[in-house]
PDB file of N, CA and C in Angstrom:
ATOM      1  N   MET A   1      -2.951 -17.248   1.858  1.00  0.00           N
ATOM      2  CA  MET A   1      -2.769 -15.837   1.508  1.00  0.00           C
ATOM      3  C   MET A   1      -3.889 -15.414   0.642  1.00  0.00           C
ATOM      4  N   LEU A   2      -4.156 -14.027   0.842  1.00  0.00           N
ATOM      5  CA  LEU A   2      -5.217 -13.436   0.021  1.00  0.00           C
ATOM      6  C   LEU A   2      -4.699 -13.264  -1.457  1.00  0.00           C
ATOM      7  N   LYS A   3      -5.666 -13.469  -2.452  1.00  0.00           N
ATOM      8  CA  LYS A   3      -5.366 -13.219  -3.766  1.00  0.00           C
ATOM      9  C   LYS A   3      -6.284 -12.036  -4.299  1.00  0.00           C
ATOM     10  N   PRO A   4      -5.660 -10.827  -4.582  1.00  0.00           N
ATOM     11  CA  PRO A   4      -6.635  -9.769  -4.866  1.00  0.00           C
ATOM     12  C   PRO A   4      -7.079  -9.996  -6.315  1.00  0.00           C
ATOM     13  N   LEU A   5      -8.196  -9.395  -6.607  1.00  0.00           N
ATOM     14  CA  LEU A   5      -8.832  -9.376  -7.980  1.00  0.00           C
ATOM     15  C   LEU A   5      -8.703  -8.103  -8.660  1.00  0.00           C
ATOM     16  N   HIS A   6      -8.904  -8.029  -9.916  1.00  0.00           N
ATOM     17  CA  HIS A   6      -8.862  -6.933 -10.835  1.00  0.00           C
ATOM     18  C   HIS A   6      -7.566  -6.092 -10.657  1.00  0.00           C
ATOM     19  N   SER A   7      -7.718  -4.811 -10.280  1.00  0.00           N
ATOM     20  CA  SER A   7      -6.548  -3.894 -10.228  1.00  0.00           C
ATOM     21  C   SER A   7      -6.148  -3.704  -8.678  1.00  0.00           C
ATOM     22  N   ASN A   8      -6.619  -4.513  -7.812  1.00  0.00           N
ATOM     23  CA  ASN A   8      -6.437  -4.403  -6.341  1.00  0.00           C
ATOM     24  C   ASN A   8      -4.935  -4.777  -5.985  1.00  0.00           C
ATOM     25  N   VAL A   9      -4.416  -4.123  -4.969  1.00  0.00           N
ATOM     26  CA  VAL A   9      -3.126  -4.505  -4.458  1.00  0.00           C
ATOM     27  C   VAL A   9      -3.140  -4.587  -2.982  1.00  0.00           C
ATOM     28  N   ILE A  10      -2.650  -5.534  -2.357  1.00  0.00           N
ATOM     29  CA  ILE A  10      -2.493  -5.823  -0.899  1.00  0.00           C
ATOM     30  C   ILE A  10      -1.222  -5.324  -0.389  1.00  0.00           C
ATOM     31  N   ILE A  11      -1.219  -4.469   0.636  1.00  0.00           N
ATOM     32  CA  ILE A  11      -0.094  -3.787   1.183  1.00  0.00           C
ATOM     33  C   ILE A  11       0.118  -4.041   2.677  1.00  0.00           C
ATOM     34  N   GLU A  12       1.201  -4.379   3.232  1.00  0.00           N
ATOM     35  CA  GLU A  12       1.479  -4.530   4.554  1.00  0.00           C
ATOM     36  C   GLU A  12       2.156  -3.189   5.003  1.00  0.00           C
ATOM     37  N   PRO A  13       1.484  -2.307   5.784  1.00  0.00           N
ATOM     38  CA  PRO A  13       2.074  -1.040   6.221  1.00  0.00           C
ATOM     39  C   PRO A  13       3.290  -1.200   6.980  1.00  0.00           C
ATOM     40  N   ILE A  14       4.190  -0.329   6.764  1.00  0.00           N
ATOM     41  CA  ILE A  14       5.530  -0.324   7.447  1.00  0.00           C
ATOM     42  C   ILE A  14       5.332   0.830   8.483  1.00  0.00           C
ATOM     43  N   VAL A  15       5.329   0.496   9.806  1.00  0.00           N
ATOM     44  CA  VAL A  15       5.068   1.413  10.916  1.00  0.00           C
ATOM     45  C   VAL A  15       6.398   2.113  11.298  1.00  0.00           C
ATOM     46  N   ALA A  16       6.459   3.395  11.189  1.00  0.00           N
ATOM     47  CA  ALA A  16       7.645   4.108  11.506  1.00  0.00           C
ATOM     48  C   ALA A  16       7.405   4.807  12.846  1.00  0.00           C
ATOM     49  N   GLU A  17       8.408   4.782  13.774  1.00  0.00           N
ATOM     50  CA  GLU A  17       8.308   5.597  14.998  1.00  0.00           C
ATOM     51  C   GLU A  17       8.350   7.037  14.747  1.00  0.00           C
ATOM     52  N   LYS A  18       7.486   7.782  15.264  1.00  0.00           N
ATOM     53  CA  LYS A  18       7.355   9.142  14.968  1.00  0.00           C
ATOM     54  C   LYS A  18       7.910  10.011  16.175  1.00  0.00           C
ATOM     55  N   LYS A  19       8.915  10.752  15.834  1.00  0.00           N
ATOM     56  CA  LYS A  19       9.464  11.766  16.907  1.00  0.00           C
ATOM     57  C   LYS A  19       9.358  13.115  16.353  1.00  0.00           C
ATOM     58  N   THR A  20       9.333  13.933  17.305  1.00  0.00           N
ATOM     59  CA  THR A  20       9.424  15.501  17.052  1.00  0.00           C
ATOM     60  C   THR A  20      10.975  15.803  16.833  1.00  0.00           C
ATOM     61  N   ALA A  21      11.252  17.009  16.460  1.00  0.00           N
ATOM     62  CA  ALA A  21      12.721  17.388  16.250  1.00  0.00           C
ATOM     63  C   ALA A  21      13.407  17.432  17.642  1.00  0.00           C
ATOM     64  N   SER A  22      12.688  17.525  18.756  1.00  0.00           N
ATOM     65  CA  SER A  22      13.309  17.552  20.139  1.00  0.00           C
ATOM     66  C   SER A  22      13.317  16.200  20.737  1.00  0.00           C
ATOM     67  N   GLY A  23      12.821  15.085  19.939  1.00  0.00           N
ATOM     68  CA  GLY A  23      12.994  13.774  20.469  1.00  0.00           C
ATOM     69  C   GLY A  23      11.760  13.255  21.121  1.00  0.00           C
ATOM     70  N   ILE A  24      10.621  13.981  21.213  1.00  0.00           N
ATOM     71  CA  ILE A  24       9.430  13.488  21.954  1.00  0.00           C
ATOM     72  C   ILE A  24       8.724  12.522  20.998  1.00  0.00           C
ATOM     73  N   LEU A  25       8.384  11.363  21.506  1.00  0.00           N
ATOM     74  CA  LEU A  25       7.664  10.341  20.757  1.00  0.00           C
ATOM     75  C   LEU A  25       6.209  10.675  20.706  1.00  0.00           C
ATOM     76  N   LEU A  26       5.583  10.634  19.484  1.00  0.00           N
ATOM     77  CA  LEU A  26       4.274  10.868  19.326  1.00  0.00           C
ATOM     78  C   LEU A  26       3.497   9.641  19.323  1.00  0.00           C
ATOM     79  N   THR A  27       2.286   9.599  19.968  1.00  0.00           N
ATOM     80  CA  THR A  27       1.393   8.433  19.926  1.00  0.00           C
ATOM     81  C   THR A  27       0.044   8.842  19.566  1.00  0.00           C
ATOM     82  N   GLY A  28      -0.807   7.873  19.318  1.00  0.00           N
ATOM     83  CA  GLY A  28      -2.215   8.085  18.997  1.00  0.00           C
ATOM     84  C   GLY A  28      -2.364   8.907  17.658  1.00  0.00           C
ATOM     85  N   GLN A  29      -3.453   9.695  17.456  1.00  0.00           N
ATOM     86  CA  GLN A  29      -3.737  10.365  16.305  1.00  0.00           C
ATOM     87  C   GLN A  29      -2.555  11.409  15.887  1.00  0.00           C
ATOM     88  N   ALA A  30      -1.799  11.826  16.922  1.00  0.00           N
ATOM     89  CA  ALA A  30      -0.640  12.838  16.571  1.00  0.00           C
ATOM     90  C   ALA A  30       0.402  12.069  15.758  1.00  0.00           C
ATOM     91  N   SER A  31       0.455  10.803  15.769  1.00  0.00           N
ATOM     92  CA  SER A  31       1.506  10.166  15.103  1.00  0.00           C
ATOM     93  C   SER A  31       1.050   9.655  13.727  1.00  0.00           C
ATOM     94  N   VAL A  32      -0.158   9.839  13.352  1.00  0.00           N
ATOM     95  CA  VAL A  32      -0.580   9.393  12.111  1.00  0.00           C
ATOM     96  C   VAL A  32       0.024  10.323  10.906  1.00  0.00           C
ATOM     97  N   PRO A  33       0.791   9.570   9.969  1.00  0.00           N
ATOM     98  CA  PRO A  33       1.337  10.507   8.986  1.00  0.00           C
ATOM     99  C   PRO A  33       0.383  10.643   7.822  1.00  0.00           C
ATOM    100  N   GLU A  34       0.728  11.569   6.926  1.00  0.00           N
ATOM    101  CA  GLU A  34      -0.192  11.883   5.850  1.00  0.00           C
ATOM    102  C   GLU A  34      -0.062  10.862   4.747  1.00  0.00           C
ATOM    103  N   LEU A  35       1.079  10.167   4.731  1.00  0.00           N
ATOM    104  CA  LEU A  35       1.318   9.125   3.776  1.00  0.00           C
ATOM    105  C   LEU A  35       1.625   7.833   4.440  1.00  0.00           C
ATOM    106  N   THR A  36       1.256   6.733   4.013  1.00  0.00           N
ATOM    107  CA  THR A  36       1.587   5.388   4.522  1.00  0.00           C
ATOM    108  C   THR A  36       2.697   4.751   3.571  1.00  0.00           C
ATOM    109  N   LYS A  37       3.586   4.242   4.234  1.00  0.00           N
ATOM    110  CA  LYS A  37       4.626   3.481   3.465  1.00  0.00           C
ATOM    111  C   LYS A  37       4.391   1.980   3.716  1.00  0.00           C
ATOM    112  N   GLY A  38       4.509   1.168   2.721  1.00  0.00           N
ATOM    113  CA  GLY A  38       4.150  -0.295   2.832  1.00  0.00           C
ATOM    114  C   GLY A  38       4.901  -1.085   1.828  1.00  0.00           C
ATOM    115  N   LYS A  39       4.794  -2.379   2.189  1.00  0.00           N
ATOM    116  CA  LYS A  39       5.387  -3.399   1.183  1.00  0.00           C
ATOM    117  C   LYS A  39       4.230  -4.106   0.578  1.00  0.00           C
ATOM    118  N   VAL A  40       4.389  -4.178  -0.749  1.00  0.00           N
ATOM    119  CA  VAL A  40       3.351  -4.948  -1.569  1.00  0.00           C
ATOM    120  C   VAL A  40       3.505  -6.422  -1.283  1.00  0.00           C
ATOM    121  N   VAL A  41       2.354  -7.058  -0.890  1.00  0.00           N
ATOM    122  CA  VAL A  41       2.409  -8.450  -0.541  1.00  0.00           C
ATOM    123  C   VAL A  41       1.693  -9.295  -1.668  1.00  0.00           C
ATOM    124  N   ALA A  42       0.743  -8.677  -2.388  1.00  0.00           N
ATOM    125  CA  ALA A  42       0.003  -9.410  -3.495  1.00  0.00           C
ATOM    126  C   ALA A  42      -0.543  -8.382  -4.407  1.00  0.00           C
ATOM    127  N   VAL A  43      -0.612  -8.782  -5.735  1.00  0.00           N
ATOM    128  CA  VAL A  43      -1.059  -7.888  -6.743  1.00  0.00           C
ATOM    129  C   VAL A  43      -2.059  -8.571  -7.572  1.00  0.00           C
ATOM    130  N   GLY A  44      -3.179  -7.962  -7.923  1.00  0.00           N
ATOM    131  CA  GLY A  44      -4.230  -8.549  -8.774  1.00  0.00           C
ATOM    132  C   GLY A  44      -3.733  -8.696 -10.227  1.00  0.00           C
ATOM    133  N   PRO A  45      -4.515  -9.224 -11.016  1.00  0.00           N
ATOM    134  CA  PRO A  45      -4.018  -9.455 -12.474  1.00  0.00           C
ATOM    135  C   PRO A  45      -4.247  -8.197 -13.299  1.00  0.00           C
ATOM    136  N   GLY A  46      -4.944  -7.177 -12.795  1.00  0.00           N
ATOM    137  CA  GLY A  46      -5.098  -6.023 -13.649  1.00  0.00           C
ATOM    138  C   GLY A  46      -6.416  -6.042 -14.340  1.00  0.00           C
ATOM    139  N   LEU A  47      -6.958  -4.920 -14.760  1.00  0.00           N
ATOM    140  CA  LEU A  47      -8.222  -4.778 -15.308  1.00  0.00           C
ATOM    141  C   LEU A  47      -8.091  -5.140 -16.873  1.00  0.00           C
ATOM    142  N   VAL A  48      -9.196  -5.697 -17.423  1.00  0.00           N
ATOM    143  CA  VAL A  48      -9.260  -6.012 -18.794  1.00  0.00           C
ATOM    144  C   VAL A  48      -9.500  -4.706 -19.544  1.00  0.00           C
ATOM    145  N   ASP A  49      -8.755  -4.461 -20.671  1.00  0.00           N
ATOM    146  CA  ASP A  49      -8.883  -3.267 -21.430  1.00  0.00           C
ATOM    147  C   ASP A  49     -10.320  -3.218 -22.017  1.00  0.00           C
ATOM    148  N   TYR A  50     -10.658  -1.959 -22.449  1.00  0.00           N
ATOM    149  CA  TYR A  50     -12.089  -1.795 -22.891  1.00  0.00           C
ATOM    150  C   TYR A  50     -12.393  -2.509 -24.222  1.00  0.00           C
ATOM    151  N   GLN A  51     -11.406  -2.824 -25.085  1.00  0.00           N
ATOM    152  CA  GLN A  51     -11.620  -3.608 -26.246  1.00  0.00           C
ATOM    153  C   GLN A  51     -11.686  -5.117 -26.025  1.00  0.00           C
ATOM    154  N   GLY A  52     -11.328  -5.511 -24.788  1.00  0.00           N
ATOM    155  CA  GLY A  52     -11.301  -6.947 -24.484  1.00  0.00           C
ATOM    156  C   GLY A  52     -10.098  -7.716 -24.950  1.00  0.00           C
ATOM    157  N   ASN A  53      -8.998  -6.924 -25.217  1.00  0.00           N
ATOM    158  CA  ASN A  53      -7.819  -7.533 -25.902  1.00  0.00           C
ATOM    159  C   ASN A  53      -6.876  -8.053 -24.841  1.00  0.00           C
ATOM    160  N   GLY A  54      -7.096  -7.986 -23.632  1.00  0.00           N
ATOM    161  CA  GLY A  54      -6.168  -8.402 -22.601  1.00  0.00           C
ATOM    162  C   GLY A  54      -6.230  -7.652 -21.363  1.00  0.00           C
ATOM    163  N   ARG A  55      -5.377  -7.766 -20.496  1.00  0.00           N
ATOM    164  CA  ARG A  55      -5.274  -7.123 -19.203  1.00  0.00           C
ATOM    165  C   ARG A  55      -4.300  -5.840 -19.296  1.00  0.00           C
ATOM    166  N   LEU A  56      -4.666  -4.838 -18.549  1.00  0.00           N
ATOM    167  CA  LEU A  56      -3.622  -3.750 -18.516  1.00  0.00           C
ATOM    168  C   LEU A  56      -2.563  -4.186 -17.349  1.00  0.00           C
ATOM    169  N   GLU A  57      -1.345  -3.726 -17.683  1.00  0.00           N
ATOM    170  CA  GLU A  57      -0.260  -4.057 -16.829  1.00  0.00           C
ATOM    171  C   GLU A  57      -0.382  -3.259 -15.585  1.00  0.00           C
ATOM    172  N   MET A  58      -0.007  -4.000 -14.447  1.00  0.00           N
ATOM    173  CA  MET A  58      -0.022  -3.363 -13.069  1.00  0.00           C
ATOM    174  C   MET A  58       1.221  -2.571 -12.785  1.00  0.00           C
ATOM    175  N   SER A  59       1.183  -1.546 -12.012  1.00  0.00           N
ATOM    176  CA  SER A  59       2.350  -0.545 -11.868  1.00  0.00           C
ATOM    177  C   SER A  59       3.313  -1.126 -10.810  1.00  0.00           C
ATOM    178  N   VAL A  60       2.868  -2.034 -10.050  1.00  0.00           N
ATOM    179  CA  VAL A  60       3.769  -2.499  -8.946  1.00  0.00           C
ATOM    180  C   VAL A  60       3.881  -4.097  -9.002  1.00  0.00           C
ATOM    181  N   CYS A  61       4.959  -4.484  -8.251  1.00  0.00           N
ATOM    182  CA  CYS A  61       5.110  -5.991  -8.166  1.00  0.00           C
ATOM    183  C   CYS A  61       5.226  -6.358  -6.741  1.00  0.00           C
ATOM    184  N   VAL A  62       5.036  -7.618  -6.411  1.00  0.00           N
ATOM    185  CA  VAL A  62       5.128  -8.161  -5.007  1.00  0.00           C
ATOM    186  C   VAL A  62       6.641  -7.732  -4.493  1.00  0.00           C
ATOM    187  N   GLY A  63       6.748  -7.275  -3.327  1.00  0.00           N
ATOM    188  CA  GLY A  63       8.069  -6.837  -2.804  1.00  0.00           C
ATOM    189  C   GLY A  63       8.344  -5.348  -2.916  1.00  0.00           C
ATOM    190  N   ASP A  64       7.605  -4.696  -3.730  1.00  0.00           N
ATOM    191  CA  ASP A  64       7.877  -3.151  -3.970  1.00  0.00           C
ATOM    192  C   ASP A  64       7.496  -2.490  -2.586  1.00  0.00           C
ATOM    193  N   VAL A  65       8.279  -1.519  -2.217  1.00  0.00           N
ATOM    194  CA  VAL A  65       7.864  -0.524  -1.150  1.00  0.00           C
ATOM    195  C   VAL A  65       7.219   0.681  -1.753  1.00  0.00           C
ATOM    196  N   VAL A  66       5.907   1.033  -1.353  1.00  0.00           N
ATOM    197  CA  VAL A  66       5.241   2.038  -1.983  1.00  0.00           C
ATOM    198  C   VAL A  66       4.665   3.020  -0.973  1.00  0.00           C
ATOM    199  N   LEU A  67       4.249   4.171  -1.518  1.00  0.00           N
ATOM    200  CA  LEU A  67       3.556   5.161  -0.630  1.00  0.00           C
ATOM    201  C   LEU A  67       2.095   5.279  -1.038  1.00  0.00           C
ATOM    202  N   ILE A  68       1.200   5.467  -0.158  1.00  0.00           N
ATOM    203  CA  ILE A  68      -0.215   5.671  -0.391  1.00  0.00           C
ATOM    204  C   ILE A  68      -0.690   6.649   0.626  1.00  0.00           C
ATOM    205  N   ARG A  69      -1.796   7.425   0.210  1.00  0.00           N
ATOM    206  CA  ARG A  69      -2.269   8.264   1.165  1.00  0.00           C
ATOM    207  C   ARG A  69      -2.918   7.575   2.373  1.00  0.00           C
ATOM    208  N   THR A  70      -2.784   8.086   3.472  1.00  0.00           N
ATOM    209  CA  THR A  70      -3.408   7.342   4.729  1.00  0.00           C
ATOM    210  C   THR A  70      -4.880   7.242   4.597  1.00  0.00           C
ATOM    211  N   TYR A  71      -5.628   8.278   4.200  1.00  0.00           N
ATOM    212  CA  TYR A  71      -7.049   8.170   4.151  1.00  0.00           C
ATOM    213  C   TYR A  71      -7.549   8.077   2.682  1.00  0.00           C
ATOM    214  N   SER A  72      -6.957   7.321   1.806  1.00  0.00           N
ATOM    215  CA  SER A  72      -7.465   7.032   0.527  1.00  0.00           C
ATOM    216  C   SER A  72      -8.706   6.146   0.711  1.00  0.00           C
ATOM    217  N   ASP A  73      -9.091   5.506  -0.341  1.00  0.00           N
ATOM    218  CA  ASP A  73     -10.217   4.537  -0.332  1.00  0.00           C
ATOM    219  C   ASP A  73      -9.749   3.240   0.129  1.00  0.00           C
ATOM    220  N   GLU A  74      -8.768   3.094   0.917  1.00  0.00           N
ATOM    221  CA  GLU A  74      -8.164   1.909   1.394  1.00  0.00           C
ATOM    222  C   GLU A  74      -9.118   1.165   2.222  1.00  0.00           C
ATOM    223  N   GLN A  75      -9.009  -0.139   2.206  1.00  0.00           N
ATOM    224  CA  GLN A  75      -9.831  -1.159   3.154  1.00  0.00           C
ATOM    225  C   GLN A  75      -8.768  -1.802   3.998  1.00  0.00           C
ATOM    226  N   ARG A  76      -8.758  -1.475   5.344  1.00  0.00           N
ATOM    227  CA  ARG A  76      -7.848  -2.050   6.285  1.00  0.00           C
ATOM    228  C   ARG A  76      -8.518  -3.325   6.827  1.00  0.00           C
ATOM    229  N   ILE A  77      -7.778  -4.395   6.728  1.00  0.00           N
ATOM    230  CA  ILE A  77      -8.295  -5.637   7.309  1.00  0.00           C
ATOM    231  C   ILE A  77      -7.150  -6.289   8.120  1.00  0.00           C
ATOM    232  N   GLY A  78      -7.523  -7.285   9.050  1.00  0.00           N
ATOM    233  CA  GLY A  78      -6.697  -8.129   9.748  1.00  0.00           C
ATOM    234  C   GLY A  78      -6.812  -9.501   9.115  1.00  0.00           C
ATOM    235  N   TYR A  79      -5.708  -9.979   8.823  1.00  0.00           N
ATOM    236  CA  TYR A  79      -5.653 -11.392   8.106  1.00  0.00           C
ATOM    237  C   TYR A  79      -4.423 -12.175   8.643  1.00  0.00           C
ATOM    238  N   GLU A  80      -4.632 -13.284   9.193  1.00  0.00           N
ATOM    239  CA  GLU A  80      -3.593 -14.145   9.778  1.00  0.00           C
ATOM    240  C   GLU A  80      -2.635 -13.408  10.652  1.00  0.00           C
ATOM    241  N   GLY A  81      -3.183 -12.601  11.572  1.00  0.00           N
ATOM    242  CA  GLY A  81      -2.395 -11.836  12.625  1.00  0.00           C
ATOM    243  C   GLY A  81      -1.651 -10.628  11.957  1.00  0.00           C
ATOM    244  N   ARG A  82      -1.927 -10.257  10.756  1.00  0.00           N
ATOM    245  CA  ARG A  82      -1.324  -9.009  10.139  1.00  0.00           C
ATOM    246  C   ARG A  82      -2.291  -8.030   9.796  1.00  0.00           C
ATOM    247  N   GLU A  83      -1.867  -6.775   9.964  1.00  0.00           N
ATOM    248  CA  GLU A  83      -2.737  -5.732   9.458  1.00  0.00           C
ATOM    249  C   GLU A  83      -2.392  -5.384   7.916  1.00  0.00           C
ATOM    250  N   LEU A  84      -3.350  -5.469   7.110  1.00  0.00           N
ATOM    251  CA  LEU A  84      -3.108  -5.283   5.669  1.00  0.00           C
ATOM    252  C   LEU A  84      -3.989  -4.194   5.213  1.00  0.00           C
ATOM    253  N   VAL A  85      -3.635  -3.520   4.044  1.00  0.00           N
ATOM    254  CA  VAL A  85      -4.346  -2.496   3.451  1.00  0.00           C
ATOM    255  C   VAL A  85      -4.688  -2.992   2.058  1.00  0.00           C
ATOM    256  N   ILE A  86      -5.882  -2.853   1.451  1.00  0.00           N
ATOM    257  CA  ILE A  86      -6.174  -3.107   0.113  1.00  0.00           C
ATOM    258  C   ILE A  86      -6.554  -1.827  -0.664  1.00  0.00           C
ATOM    259  N   VAL A  87      -5.853  -1.452  -1.685  1.00  0.00           N
ATOM    260  CA  VAL A  87      -6.032  -0.269  -2.421  1.00  0.00           C
ATOM    261  C   VAL A  87      -6.072  -0.666  -3.952  1.00  0.00           C
ATOM    262  N   THR A  88      -6.581   0.175  -4.757  1.00  0.00           N
ATOM    263  CA  THR A  88      -6.448  -0.057  -6.266  1.00  0.00           C
ATOM    264  C   THR A  88      -5.018   0.402  -6.752  1.00  0.00           C
ATOM    265  N   ASP A  89      -4.604  -0.102  -7.819  1.00  0.00           N
ATOM    266  CA  ASP A  89      -3.294   0.223  -8.410  1.00  0.00           C
ATOM    267  C   ASP A  89      -3.212   1.772  -8.567  1.00  0.00           C
ATOM    268  N   GLY A  90      -4.280   2.436  -9.024  1.00  0.00           N
ATOM    269  CA  GLY A  90      -4.302   3.860  -9.232  1.00  0.00           C
ATOM    270  C   GLY A  90      -4.218   4.782  -7.960  1.00  0.00           C
ATOM    271  N   GLU A  91      -4.221   4.113  -6.870  1.00  0.00           N
ATOM    272  CA  GLU A  91      -4.261   4.908  -5.550  1.00  0.00           C
ATOM    273  C   GLU A  91      -2.764   4.857  -4.909  1.00  0.00           C
ATOM    274  N   ILE A  92      -1.860   4.105  -5.571  1.00  0.00           N
ATOM    275  CA  ILE A  92      -0.478   4.097  -5.100  1.00  0.00           C
ATOM    276  C   ILE A  92       0.171   5.286  -5.756  1.00  0.00           C
ATOM    277  N   LEU A  93       0.792   6.141  -4.854  1.00  0.00           N
ATOM    278  CA  LEU A  93       1.366   7.393  -5.281  1.00  0.00           C
ATOM    279  C   LEU A  93       2.765   7.216  -5.908  1.00  0.00           C
ATOM    280  N   ALA A  94       3.577   6.251  -5.246  1.00  0.00           N
ATOM    281  CA  ALA A  94       4.968   6.137  -5.564  1.00  0.00           C
ATOM    282  C   ALA A  94       5.587   4.878  -5.300  1.00  0.00           C
ATOM    283  N   ILE A  95       6.590   4.354  -5.909  1.00  0.00           N
ATOM    284  CA  ILE A  95       7.378   3.381  -5.525  1.00  0.00           C
ATOM    285  C   ILE A  95       8.614   3.853  -4.925  1.00  0.00           C
ATOM    286  N   VAL A  96       9.014   3.338  -3.747  1.00  0.00           N
ATOM    287  CA  VAL A  96      10.231   3.972  -3.066  1.00  0.00           C
ATOM    288  C   VAL A  96      11.385   2.989  -3.458  1.00  0.00           C
ATOM    289  N   GLU A  97      12.314   3.677  -4.151  1.00  0.00           N
ATOM    290  CA  GLU A  97      13.612   2.995  -4.475  1.00  0.00           C
ATOM    291  C   GLU A  97      14.643   3.416  -3.597  1.00  0.00           C
ATOM    292  N   GLU A  98      15.145   2.403  -2.753  1.00  0.00           N
ATOM    293  CA  GLU A  98      16.195   2.729  -1.763  1.00  0.00           C
ATOM    294  C   GLU A  98      17.553   2.471  -2.313  1.00  0.00           C
ATOM    295  N   ASN A  99      18.402   3.305  -2.261  1.00  0.00           N
ATOM    296  CA  ASN A  99      19.752   3.093  -2.646  1.00  0.00           C
ATOM    297  C   ASN A  99      20.613   2.292  -1.640  1.00  0.00           C
ATOM    298  N   ASN A 100      21.261   1.305  -2.117  1.00  0.00           N
ATOM    299  CA  ASN A 100      22.020   0.423  -1.165  1.00  0.00           C
ATOM    300  C   ASN A 100      23.518   0.659  -1.195  1.00  0.00           C
TER     301      ASN A 100
END
């Protein structure tokens, strides 16, 4: 598995089927959402604070479901047959908390 450095986070996108209100399936560019939902698969150790007293705590943990902007400074890569996205901790917009 990949081990991210600094404040980088590796996310596996969750692909949702896109339909219009009338039930038409959208494909290609029309189906690209403004936000990407994904599951965190690896988290870096965090940045060292400016005084050198330790690392800053990361906002997310492995297993969290998060939202990121589709066209942020993400790096999309293929690794071991999976599509993964690498973003910094600060580019994650929200953690999705699902009620069970």
